[in-house]
Protein backbone atom coordinates (compact mmCIF):
# COMPACT_ATOMS: atom_id res chain seq x y z
CA UNK A 1 -46.73 18.86 36.32
CA UNK A 2 -45.56 22.42 36.71
CA UNK A 3 -42.38 23.34 34.96
CA UNK A 4 -39.18 24.50 36.80
CA UNK A 5 -37.88 27.92 35.36
CA UNK A 6 -34.41 28.98 35.87
CA UNK A 7 -33.81 31.87 38.07
CA UNK A 8 -30.41 33.70 38.41
CA UNK A 9 -27.87 31.16 39.59
CA UNK A 10 -26.85 31.66 43.33
CA UNK A 11 -24.10 31.35 45.87
CA UNK A 12 -23.86 28.08 47.66
CA UNK A 13 -24.22 28.53 51.28
CA UNK A 14 -23.72 25.98 54.00
CA UNK A 15 -23.09 22.87 52.08
CA UNK A 16 -22.22 21.41 55.36
CA UNK A 17 -25.76 21.16 56.14
CA UNK A 18 -26.37 18.90 53.12
CA UNK A 19 -23.36 16.65 53.51
CA UNK A 20 -22.82 17.10 57.22
CA UNK A 21 -26.21 15.47 57.65
CA UNK A 22 -23.83 12.81 56.22
CA UNK A 23 -21.24 13.29 58.36
CA UNK A 24 7.56 37.36 41.43
CA UNK A 25 7.75 40.23 40.97
CA UNK A 26 8.98 39.85 37.47
CA UNK A 27 12.43 41.31 37.44
CA UNK A 28 13.25 43.13 34.44
CA UNK A 29 16.66 42.40 32.82
CA UNK A 30 19.02 45.07 33.83
CA UNK A 31 20.46 45.34 30.36
CA UNK A 32 23.81 47.43 30.64
CA UNK A 33 23.59 50.35 28.39
CA UNK A 34 26.47 51.03 26.03
CA UNK A 35 29.18 53.03 27.66
CA UNK A 36 29.38 56.52 26.07
CA UNK A 37 31.85 56.82 23.37
CA UNK A 38 35.08 58.86 24.32
CA UNK A 39 36.77 61.32 21.99
CA UNK A 40 40.47 60.50 21.60
CA UNK A 41 42.94 63.29 22.16
CA UNK A 42 44.05 64.71 19.01
CA UNK A 43 46.65 67.61 18.04
CA UNK A 44 46.30 69.50 14.82
CA UNK A 45 49.16 68.91 12.24
CA UNK A 46 51.31 71.98 11.52
CA UNK A 47 51.63 73.11 7.97
CA UNK A 48 55.35 72.85 6.69
CA UNK A 49 56.86 75.34 4.35
CA UNK A 50 58.09 73.67 1.16
CA UNK A 51 61.80 73.86 0.47
CA UNK A 52 62.61 76.45 -2.05
CA UNK A 53 65.19 76.55 -4.82
CA UNK A 54 66.98 79.58 -5.85
CA UNK A 55 66.95 81.48 -8.42
CA UNK A 56 63.26 80.78 -8.61
CA UNK A 57 61.58 83.63 -6.85
CA UNK A 58 58.05 82.52 -7.04
CA UNK A 59 56.87 80.22 -4.08
CA UNK A 60 55.52 76.85 -5.19
CA UNK A 61 51.78 76.12 -4.36
CA UNK A 62 51.81 74.49 -0.95
CA UNK A 63 49.13 72.04 0.35
CA UNK A 64 47.80 72.09 3.89
CA UNK A 65 47.88 68.91 5.53
CA UNK A 66 44.59 67.23 6.43
CA UNK A 67 43.73 68.54 9.87
CA UNK A 68 40.55 66.63 10.26
CA UNK A 69 40.25 64.76 13.56
CA UNK A 70 40.23 61.08 13.39
CA UNK A 71 37.00 59.36 14.11
CA UNK A 72 37.26 58.03 17.56
CA UNK A 73 33.68 57.85 18.51
CA UNK A 74 33.02 54.16 17.94
CA UNK A 75 30.65 52.84 20.61
CA UNK A 76 32.24 50.63 23.26
CA UNK A 77 29.54 48.00 24.29
CA UNK A 78 29.41 47.12 28.01
CA UNK A 79 29.53 43.55 29.05
CA UNK A 80 26.18 41.88 29.74
CA UNK A 81 25.19 42.97 33.48
CA UNK A 82 21.72 41.27 33.59
CA UNK A 83 21.12 40.46 37.26
CA UNK A 84 20.35 36.58 38.14
CA UNK A 85 16.69 35.88 38.82
CA UNK A 86 15.83 35.64 42.55
CA UNK A 87 15.71 32.32 43.95
CA UNK A 88 11.85 31.97 44.78
CA UNK A 89 12.46 28.75 46.66
CA UNK A 90 15.14 30.26 49.01
CA UNK A 91 12.58 33.51 49.31
CA UNK A 92 9.80 30.98 50.31
CA UNK A 93 11.88 29.04 52.73
CA UNK A 94 12.89 32.30 54.55
CA UNK A 95 9.28 33.56 54.78
CA UNK A 96 8.31 30.30 56.06
CA UNK A 97 10.96 30.25 58.90
CA UNK A 98 9.98 33.83 59.79
CA UNK A 99 6.26 32.86 60.01
CA UNK A 100 6.87 29.81 61.95
CA UNK A 101 9.02 31.74 64.48
CA UNK A 102 6.20 34.10 64.91
CA UNK A 103 3.59 31.27 65.13
CA UNK A 104 5.74 29.76 67.93
CA UNK A 105 5.41 32.95 69.87
CA UNK A 106 1.63 32.65 69.36
CA UNK A 107 1.82 29.09 70.70
CA UNK A 108 -1.49 27.97 69.32
CA UNK A 109 -4.18 28.26 66.59
CA UNK A 110 -8.03 27.71 66.81
CA UNK A 111 -9.75 26.69 63.66
CA UNK A 112 -13.37 27.06 63.10
CA UNK A 113 -14.33 24.84 60.09
CA UNK A 114 -17.17 23.18 58.48
CA UNK A 115 -15.18 20.62 56.52
CA UNK A 116 -15.27 17.03 57.49
CA UNK A 117 -14.16 16.38 60.95
CA UNK A 118 -11.94 13.33 60.37
CA UNK A 119 -9.89 15.14 57.80
CA UNK A 120 -9.54 18.15 59.97
CA UNK A 121 -8.23 16.12 62.94
CA UNK A 122 -5.78 14.35 60.58
CA UNK A 123 -4.62 17.79 59.32
CA UNK A 124 -4.12 19.07 62.84
CA UNK A 125 -2.04 16.02 63.81
CA UNK A 126 0.19 16.45 60.64
CA UNK A 127 0.45 20.27 61.25
CA UNK A 128 1.73 19.91 64.82
CA UNK A 129 4.17 17.10 63.76
CA UNK A 130 5.50 19.47 61.15
CA UNK A 131 5.53 22.58 63.31
CA UNK A 132 6.39 21.56 66.88
CA UNK A 133 5.53 24.32 69.54
CA UNK A 134 2.25 25.42 67.70
CA UNK A 135 -0.97 23.65 68.93
CA UNK A 136 -3.89 23.20 66.80
CA UNK A 137 -7.43 23.26 68.07
CA UNK A 138 -10.19 22.11 65.77
CA UNK A 139 -13.64 23.30 66.41
CA UNK A 140 -15.96 21.70 63.85
CA UNK A 141 -19.13 23.59 63.21
CA UNK A 142 -21.49 23.99 60.31
CA UNK A 143 -21.56 27.45 58.84
CA UNK A 144 -24.97 28.45 60.72
CA UNK A 145 -23.09 27.86 63.88
CA UNK A 146 -19.68 29.31 63.13
CA UNK A 147 -20.76 32.51 61.24
CA UNK A 148 -22.73 33.97 64.26
CA UNK A 149 -19.91 33.11 66.70
CA UNK A 150 -17.16 34.78 64.45
CA UNK A 151 -19.50 37.74 63.86
CA UNK A 152 -19.73 38.42 67.67
CA UNK A 153 -16.05 37.99 67.97
CA UNK A 154 -15.25 40.52 65.41
CA UNK A 155 -17.81 43.14 66.69
CA UNK A 156 -16.59 42.67 70.19
CA UNK A 157 -12.83 42.57 69.37
CA UNK A 158 -12.87 39.17 71.15
CA UNK A 159 -10.13 36.61 70.04
CA UNK A 160 -11.63 33.18 69.61
CA UNK A 161 -11.33 31.64 66.18
CA UNK A 162 -8.05 32.28 64.47
CA UNK A 163 -8.75 30.74 61.22
CA UNK A 164 -12.38 30.46 59.80
CA UNK A 165 -13.27 28.08 57.11
CA UNK A 166 -16.79 28.20 55.58
CA UNK A 167 -18.80 27.44 52.56
CA UNK A 168 -20.76 30.76 52.72
CA UNK A 169 -19.37 32.71 49.83
CA UNK A 170 -21.71 35.48 50.34
CA UNK A 171 -20.80 35.96 54.00
CA UNK A 172 -17.03 36.12 53.32
CA UNK A 173 -17.50 38.47 50.52
CA UNK A 174 -19.61 40.94 52.82
CA UNK A 175 -17.17 40.47 55.75
CA UNK A 176 -14.15 41.06 53.43
CA UNK A 177 -15.49 44.23 51.95
CA UNK A 178 -16.20 45.30 55.63
CA UNK A 179 -12.35 44.88 56.49
CA UNK A 180 -13.20 42.05 58.92
CA UNK A 181 -10.09 39.88 57.93
CA UNK A 182 -6.51 40.25 58.39
CA UNK A 183 -3.91 39.88 55.50
CA UNK A 184 -3.10 36.21 55.15
CA UNK A 185 -0.18 36.76 52.88
CA UNK A 186 2.52 36.14 55.55
CA UNK A 187 1.67 32.53 54.25
CA UNK A 188 4.31 31.88 51.59
CA UNK A 189 1.77 29.80 49.72
CA UNK A 190 -1.09 32.50 49.85
CA UNK A 191 1.44 35.13 49.14
CA UNK A 192 2.26 33.58 45.84
CA UNK A 193 5.49 31.89 46.55
CA UNK A 194 4.61 28.19 46.32
CA UNK A 195 2.34 25.88 44.37
CA UNK A 196 -0.81 27.62 45.45
CA UNK A 197 -2.35 29.79 42.72
CA UNK A 198 -2.73 32.97 44.64
CA UNK A 199 -3.76 34.93 41.59
CA UNK A 200 -6.96 32.70 41.10
CA UNK A 201 -7.63 31.75 44.54
CA UNK A 202 -6.82 34.75 46.93
CA UNK A 203 -9.80 37.28 46.66
CA UNK A 204 -10.08 40.85 47.50
CA UNK A 205 -11.18 41.22 51.10
CA UNK A 206 -8.36 38.94 52.29
CA UNK A 207 -10.33 35.56 51.94
CA UNK A 208 -9.02 32.75 50.11
CA UNK A 209 -10.09 29.34 48.70
CA UNK A 210 -9.02 26.23 50.38
CA UNK A 211 -10.72 23.47 48.55
CA UNK A 212 -14.04 22.15 47.79
CA UNK A 213 -16.63 19.50 48.81
CA UNK A 214 -17.66 17.48 45.80
CA UNK A 215 -21.01 15.73 45.11
CA UNK A 216 -21.51 13.47 42.10
CA UNK A 217 -23.65 10.55 40.90
CA UNK A 218 -23.20 7.03 42.25
CA UNK A 219 -24.42 3.40 41.96
CA UNK A 220 -24.97 0.11 43.42
CA UNK A 221 -22.40 -2.08 41.55
CA UNK A 222 -24.61 -5.31 41.95
CA UNK A 223 -27.63 -3.79 40.46
CA UNK A 224 -25.76 -1.63 37.93
CA UNK A 225 -22.78 -3.83 36.97
CA UNK A 226 -21.77 -1.76 33.94
CA UNK A 227 -21.89 1.43 35.88
CA UNK A 228 -22.78 4.89 34.74
CA UNK A 229 -20.68 7.38 32.81
CA UNK A 230 -22.61 10.71 33.24
CA UNK A 231 -25.87 12.21 34.81
CA UNK A 232 -27.97 11.52 31.49
CA UNK A 233 -27.50 7.76 32.23
CA UNK A 234 -29.80 8.24 35.20
CA UNK A 235 -32.69 8.76 32.69
CA UNK A 236 -32.36 5.20 31.45
CA UNK A 237 -36.00 3.51 31.70
CA UNK A 238 -34.30 0.47 33.50
CA UNK A 239 -33.85 2.89 36.51
CA UNK A 240 -37.37 3.99 36.81
CA UNK A 241 -40.04 3.36 39.60
CA UNK A 242 -37.93 3.95 42.66
CA UNK A 243 -34.85 2.71 41.63
CA UNK A 244 -33.00 6.37 41.76
CA UNK A 245 -32.43 8.37 44.78
CA UNK A 246 -32.62 12.25 44.66
CA UNK A 247 -32.18 14.90 47.22
CA UNK A 248 -34.95 17.22 48.46
CA UNK A 249 -33.95 20.96 47.72
CA UNK A 250 -35.98 22.14 50.68
CA UNK A 251 -33.14 21.35 53.07
CA UNK A 252 -30.67 23.94 51.84
CA UNK A 253 -30.37 26.55 49.13
CA UNK A 254 -27.26 24.68 48.21
CA UNK A 255 -29.34 21.93 46.74
CA UNK A 256 -31.33 24.37 44.73
CA UNK A 257 -28.24 25.56 43.21
CA UNK A 258 -27.26 21.77 42.46
CA UNK A 259 -30.64 21.33 40.51
CA UNK A 260 -29.86 24.67 38.59
CA UNK A 261 -26.53 23.33 37.59
CA UNK A 262 -28.04 19.97 36.26
CA UNK A 263 -30.32 22.25 34.06
CA UNK A 264 -27.58 24.54 32.82
CA UNK A 265 -25.23 21.54 32.02
CA UNK A 266 -27.66 19.10 30.70
CA UNK A 267 -30.67 21.13 29.40
CA UNK A 268 -33.87 22.51 31.00
CA UNK A 269 -35.64 19.29 30.41
CA UNK A 270 -33.29 17.04 32.24
CA UNK A 271 -34.81 17.74 35.85
CA UNK A 272 -38.17 17.06 34.38
CA UNK A 273 -36.91 13.73 32.70
CA UNK A 274 -35.53 12.90 36.11
CA UNK A 275 -38.78 13.39 37.91
CA UNK A 276 -40.45 11.13 35.24
CA UNK A 277 -38.36 8.28 36.54
CA UNK A 278 -40.48 8.47 39.83
CA UNK A 279 -37.38 8.45 42.12
CA UNK A 280 -37.05 8.17 45.67
CA UNK A 281 -36.54 11.43 47.71
CA UNK A 282 -33.78 11.66 50.52
CA UNK A 283 -33.11 14.50 52.88
CA UNK A 284 -29.19 14.37 52.47
CA UNK A 285 -26.27 12.55 51.04
CA UNK A 286 -25.78 10.11 53.96
CA UNK A 287 -29.04 8.36 53.94
CA UNK A 288 -28.66 8.20 50.02
CA UNK A 289 -25.44 6.56 50.32
CA UNK A 290 -26.82 3.99 52.91
CA UNK A 291 -29.77 3.17 50.66
CA UNK A 292 -27.20 2.62 47.70
CA UNK A 293 -25.31 0.11 49.81
CA UNK A 294 -28.29 -1.78 50.95
CA UNK A 295 -29.76 -2.06 47.32
CA UNK A 296 -32.75 -0.12 48.40
CA UNK A 297 -31.96 2.18 45.41
CA UNK A 298 -29.61 1.38 42.34
CA UNK A 299 -28.38 4.87 41.45
CA UNK A 300 -28.31 8.34 43.00
CA UNK A 301 -27.67 11.90 41.51
CA UNK A 302 -26.29 13.14 44.90
CA UNK A 303 -23.65 11.05 46.41
CA UNK A 304 -20.86 12.05 48.56
CA UNK A 305 -17.33 10.47 47.58
CA UNK A 306 -16.09 11.29 50.94
CA UNK A 307 -18.71 8.78 52.31
CA UNK A 308 -18.78 6.43 49.30
CA UNK A 309 -15.10 5.68 48.92
CA UNK A 310 -14.46 4.52 52.58
CA UNK A 311 -17.64 2.22 52.29
CA UNK A 312 -16.25 0.95 48.81
CA UNK A 313 -12.96 0.19 50.38
CA UNK A 314 -14.74 -1.77 53.16
CA UNK A 315 -16.48 -3.93 50.57
CA UNK A 316 -19.58 -2.19 49.87
CA UNK A 317 -20.96 -2.56 46.43
CA UNK A 318 -20.67 1.17 45.58
CA UNK A 319 -19.12 3.14 43.04
CA UNK A 320 -19.27 6.77 41.63
CA UNK A 321 -17.75 8.95 38.88
CA UNK A 322 -17.35 12.34 38.05
CA UNK A 323 -18.96 14.08 34.91
CA UNK A 324 -16.87 14.96 31.87
CA UNK A 325 -18.77 18.20 32.02
CA UNK A 326 -17.26 19.32 35.22
CA UNK A 327 -18.34 19.11 38.92
CA UNK A 328 -20.79 20.40 41.33
CA UNK A 329 -19.59 21.10 44.81
CA UNK A 330 -19.27 23.84 47.38
CA UNK A 331 -15.98 25.86 47.64
CA UNK A 332 -14.54 26.37 50.91
CA UNK A 333 -13.08 29.77 51.88
CA UNK A 334 -10.70 30.60 54.59
CA UNK A 335 -10.19 33.74 56.41
CA UNK A 336 -8.30 35.01 59.60
CA UNK A 337 -10.56 37.25 61.55
CA UNK A 338 -9.05 40.74 62.48
CA UNK A 339 -10.13 39.97 66.30
CA UNK A 340 -7.69 36.93 66.32
CA UNK A 341 -4.52 37.15 68.76
CA UNK A 342 -2.89 34.38 66.76
CA UNK A 343 -2.63 35.74 63.32
CA UNK A 344 0.85 34.32 62.60
CA UNK A 345 -0.24 30.85 63.73
CA UNK A 346 -3.41 31.01 61.61
CA UNK A 347 -1.35 31.93 58.55
CA UNK A 348 0.91 29.08 59.19
CA UNK A 349 -1.94 26.56 59.42
CA UNK A 350 -3.63 28.07 56.47
CA UNK A 351 -0.46 27.75 54.55
CA UNK A 352 -0.05 24.10 55.44
CA UNK A 353 -3.74 23.46 54.44
CA UNK A 354 -3.22 24.66 51.00
CA UNK A 355 0.14 22.69 50.23
CA UNK A 356 0.04 19.36 48.47
CA UNK A 357 0.40 17.59 51.61
CA UNK A 358 -2.27 19.34 53.26
CA UNK A 359 -4.83 19.15 50.47
CA UNK A 360 -4.12 15.24 50.26
CA UNK A 361 -5.41 15.12 53.91
CA UNK A 362 -8.20 17.46 54.14
CA UNK A 363 -9.53 17.34 50.57
CA UNK A 364 -9.37 13.58 50.12
CA UNK A 365 -12.19 12.60 47.66
CA UNK A 366 -12.83 16.25 47.31
CA UNK A 367 -11.60 19.25 45.17
CA UNK A 368 -8.23 20.58 45.38
CA UNK A 369 -6.50 23.96 45.01
CA UNK A 370 -3.25 22.36 44.09
CA UNK A 371 -3.08 20.20 40.83
CA UNK A 372 -2.36 16.30 40.82
CA UNK A 373 -2.93 15.70 44.35
CA UNK A 374 -3.29 12.04 44.97
CA UNK A 375 -6.69 11.17 46.31
CA UNK A 376 -8.50 14.31 45.25
CA UNK A 377 -11.03 14.25 42.60
CA UNK A 378 -10.81 17.56 40.75
CA UNK A 379 -9.26 21.01 41.07
CA UNK A 380 -11.28 23.98 42.22
CA UNK A 381 -11.25 25.60 38.80
CA UNK A 382 -13.64 22.83 37.38
CA UNK A 383 -15.95 23.28 40.35
CA UNK A 384 -19.27 25.32 39.50
CA UNK A 385 -18.83 28.80 40.48
CA UNK A 386 -22.09 29.63 41.92
CA UNK A 387 -23.90 33.05 41.87
CA UNK A 388 -25.56 34.72 45.03
CA UNK A 389 -29.03 35.30 43.67
CA UNK A 390 -30.84 32.14 43.01
CA UNK A 391 -30.19 30.87 46.49
CA UNK A 392 -31.68 33.85 48.12
CA UNK A 393 -34.75 32.96 50.27
CA UNK A 394 -37.56 34.10 47.65
CA UNK A 395 -35.99 32.52 44.66
CA UNK A 396 -34.99 29.53 46.27
CA UNK A 397 -38.45 28.85 47.91
CA UNK A 398 -40.04 29.36 44.45
CA UNK A 399 -37.79 26.84 43.01
CA UNK A 400 -38.57 24.29 45.73
CA UNK A 401 -42.40 24.79 45.00
CA UNK A 402 -42.06 24.01 41.47
CA UNK A 403 -39.74 21.06 42.12
CA UNK A 404 -42.34 19.56 44.55
CA UNK A 405 -44.93 19.98 41.69
CA UNK A 406 -42.79 17.75 39.61
CA UNK A 407 -41.54 15.24 42.11
CA UNK A 408 -44.34 14.71 44.55
């Protein structure tokens, strides 16, 4: 068997191809300076001639009175004039009201996104209920479909997609550097006035993180009644000879990045040990989940909670867990194309998407940019940050060749 060597880690692009196949200013205190000391008015005392008594003819010694001015320079301290801190909540409410009025003038927003369609439709419905007068149209498209369309609109100045959400980090970085995106900070959340961590998730180039798709390990609860706790459990000899499902890295550079993450997290021999289990190979998370539910396999390294949880709720013998070491997934990035004619409506939709309410809808069973959102699995800060190099065509192809030597 050939050995997989680790190249430089890369950007995850188009995870949808993998899963969709399944699917203040700090206000300084204004300290009042001490008021300047004032000099009191003083008059010099006059010297008084002593009374003389005859027959003496010599004047007695006289003493000049003290003419020193009294010390009237004691400092007078001004009262504390520290200004109250601004009410950030009121500021956010005012900014949101202003944005909503501008969005109503726009009338509608068109969203291109590679996120899961059910969540997007529910998000649009909740948005329209929250902001009457602003219609939301969802155009669900994987990155390889949405990106060329947006590039054409930007190049021709044609308004089409008002908000674009993709998993292609390299693309948003390139377009952001080229000035293709409008400033999104009319959104109070993205402008740093809400729970959204704008310092962490708003990036140079006017693109911003809106969540992440998460993939993890899963198992059939009938075949593995005690469950699994982490990826190394998949190397148990009891799961050898076709009882584990793995995903083919040839389907997407994103999957190459997944295997690189496994090697970095669990050691360079982990993938070789997985190959020694003689697993079954699947083309995406959807058939993997179906094979788990049917009992064709008992465990999987690449399961989609967005698929697994609804099936589990319906009675399928399925379960999954998150690794204590962190999570692998693909971050979704939002941007408002400069070509959009409805930039206020786009900023309002983006604002709603990154609130706790919006995250609970569109990032259910995924990664959230807001902490402690019910139904989400992990926050984006725990999702692997991919590099852009190892998923470039040449290194990715080399990795696939080495992987095939091990697994086929």
